[in-house]
Structures are given as C-alpha cells and as structure tokens.
Amino acid sequence: MKPYLLMFMAAVLVVGGCKQKPPPEEPARTPIRTDFSPEDFGIGRKHTKDPACNREIDLLLDQARLCYGYGSRPATECEALQSSNSHKIGRLKNSSRCSHS
C-alpha cells in the first residue's frame, strides 16, 4: 500500500473520531393536568351516613380540585390546602354527628 494512502486513511479516522456527539435530548415534560372532574376528587360520593356532612366534605374536596384545576396557584400551595382539608375531612368522618344518622 502506498504511504500517502495510509496517511489519508489515518487522517480520515482521526477526523471522524473527533466529531462531537450531539447533546442528549431532554425528555419531554408531561404537562400538568388541569382538567379534573368532580368525580376525580370523589365529590358526590357517600362519604358518611349524614347528607349534611357529605356536602361539607364535598365542599372541601372541591376547594382542592379548583386549586389544581386552574393552575393559577403554585402546586405547593394546592398541596398544603389539600393536606389541610384532608385533616378536616378526617375529623368530620370521625365526628359523632357524621358517623350516626
């Protein structure tokens, strides 16, 4: 083989090996869901034996649904509201007026 041909092949390999790889693509982010229906949050279910307690619980659930639904408030604020309302719902479900009818 001719020396210039070997040098040409070596140069091609060196130049080809030095080519920078493109940066990896970032995974597409899933858009935050904002189309929650009342049923997604359990609104309208029979939570307790007392209809008035069920309405109170549905109002608390709907507050959280609306917070997440419009996306106008930060997720941390909605999470705090949902946690607070969950504690209130737990107290309602365990109260004597809601557990007896």
Protein backbone atom coordinates (compact mmCIF):
# COMPACT_ATOMS: atom_id res chain seq x y z
CA MET A 1 0.00 0.00 0.00
CA LYS A 2 1.20 3.47 -0.74
CA PRO A 3 2.27 5.62 2.26
CA TYR A 4 0.08 8.57 1.24
CA LEU A 5 -2.96 6.26 1.16
CA LEU A 6 -2.21 5.05 4.71
CA MET A 7 -1.79 8.64 5.92
CA PHE A 8 -5.08 9.61 4.23
CA MET A 9 -6.94 6.72 5.90
CA ALA A 10 -5.41 7.60 9.29
CA ALA A 11 -6.42 11.25 8.86
CA VAL A 12 -10.00 10.24 8.00
CA LEU A 13 -10.20 8.05 11.10
CA VAL A 14 -8.78 10.79 13.36
CA VAL A 15 -11.10 13.48 11.97
CA GLY A 16 -14.11 11.16 12.10
CA GLY A 17 -13.35 10.17 15.70
CA CYS A 18 -13.06 13.80 16.84
CA LYS A 19 -16.56 14.72 15.78
CA GLN A 20 -18.57 15.90 18.79
CA LYS A 21 -21.69 13.96 19.61
CA PRO A 22 -24.88 15.99 19.87
CA PRO A 23 -26.08 16.57 23.44
CA PRO A 24 -28.75 14.11 24.55
CA GLU A 25 -32.26 15.39 24.15
CA GLU A 26 -34.10 16.22 27.35
CA PRO A 27 -37.17 14.08 27.88
CA ALA A 28 -40.41 15.83 27.11
CA ARG A 29 -42.17 17.01 30.23
CA THR A 30 -45.68 15.83 30.81
CA PRO A 31 -47.97 18.82 31.04
CA ILE A 32 -49.57 19.32 34.44
CA ARG A 33 -53.14 18.17 34.36
CA THR A 34 -55.80 20.82 34.97
CA ASP A 35 -58.98 19.14 33.76
CA PHE A 36 -60.08 17.41 36.94
CA SER A 37 -63.70 16.40 37.13
CA PRO A 38 -65.55 16.36 40.47
CA GLU A 39 -65.53 12.55 40.31
CA ASP A 40 -61.71 12.57 40.17
CA PHE A 41 -61.73 14.01 43.68
CA GLY A 42 -64.56 11.84 44.99
CA ILE A 43 -67.08 14.66 45.01
CA GLY A 44 -70.65 13.37 45.11
CA ARG A 45 -69.80 10.09 46.83
CA LYS A 46 -71.42 8.96 50.04
CA HIS A 47 -68.59 9.73 52.48
CA THR A 48 -70.62 9.34 55.67
CA LYS A 49 -74.16 8.39 56.71
CA ASP A 50 -75.11 12.06 57.13
CA PRO A 51 -76.03 14.04 53.96
CA ALA A 52 -75.05 17.38 55.54
CA CYS A 53 -71.59 16.02 56.38
CA ASN A 54 -71.26 14.71 52.83
CA ARG A 55 -71.97 18.20 51.47
CA GLU A 56 -69.32 19.71 53.79
CA ILE A 57 -66.78 17.12 52.66
CA ASP A 58 -67.65 17.76 49.02
CA LEU A 59 -67.01 21.49 49.52
CA LEU A 60 -63.57 20.77 51.00
CA LEU A 61 -62.74 18.40 48.15
CA ASP A 62 -63.92 20.93 45.58
CA GLN A 63 -61.62 23.61 47.03
CA ALA A 64 -58.62 21.41 46.29
CA ARG A 65 -59.95 20.43 42.86
CA LEU A 66 -60.38 24.06 41.88
CA CYS A 67 -56.93 24.95 43.20
CA TYR A 68 -55.28 22.33 40.99
CA GLY A 69 -57.72 22.82 38.16
CA TYR A 70 -56.89 26.32 37.06
CA GLY A 71 -53.13 26.11 37.55
CA SER A 72 -53.11 29.70 38.75
CA ARG A 73 -51.74 28.78 42.18
CA PRO A 74 -48.42 27.08 42.86
CA ALA A 75 -48.57 23.31 43.33
CA THR A 76 -47.11 23.64 46.84
CA GLU A 77 -50.00 25.90 47.84
CA CYS A 78 -52.54 23.41 46.48
CA GLU A 79 -50.79 20.53 48.24
CA ALA A 80 -50.94 22.41 51.54
CA LEU A 81 -54.64 23.17 51.01
CA GLN A 82 -55.36 19.54 50.15
CA SER A 83 -53.47 18.31 53.21
CA SER A 84 -55.31 20.72 55.50
CA ASN A 85 -58.66 19.77 54.00
CA SER A 86 -57.83 16.06 54.32
CA HIS A 87 -57.33 16.53 58.06
CA LYS A 88 -60.64 18.39 58.29
CA ILE A 89 -62.38 15.62 56.33
CA GLY A 90 -60.90 13.01 58.66
CA ARG A 91 -62.22 14.88 61.68
CA LEU A 92 -65.64 15.20 60.06
CA LYS A 93 -65.83 11.49 59.21
CA ASN A 94 -64.90 10.59 62.80
CA SER A 95 -67.27 13.07 64.41
CA SER A 96 -70.33 11.72 66.15
CA ARG A 97 -72.74 13.85 64.11
CA CYS A 98 -71.38 12.49 60.81
CA SER A 99 -71.00 8.85 61.77
CA HIS A 100 -74.58 8.46 63.05
CA SER A 101 -77.77 9.27 61.29
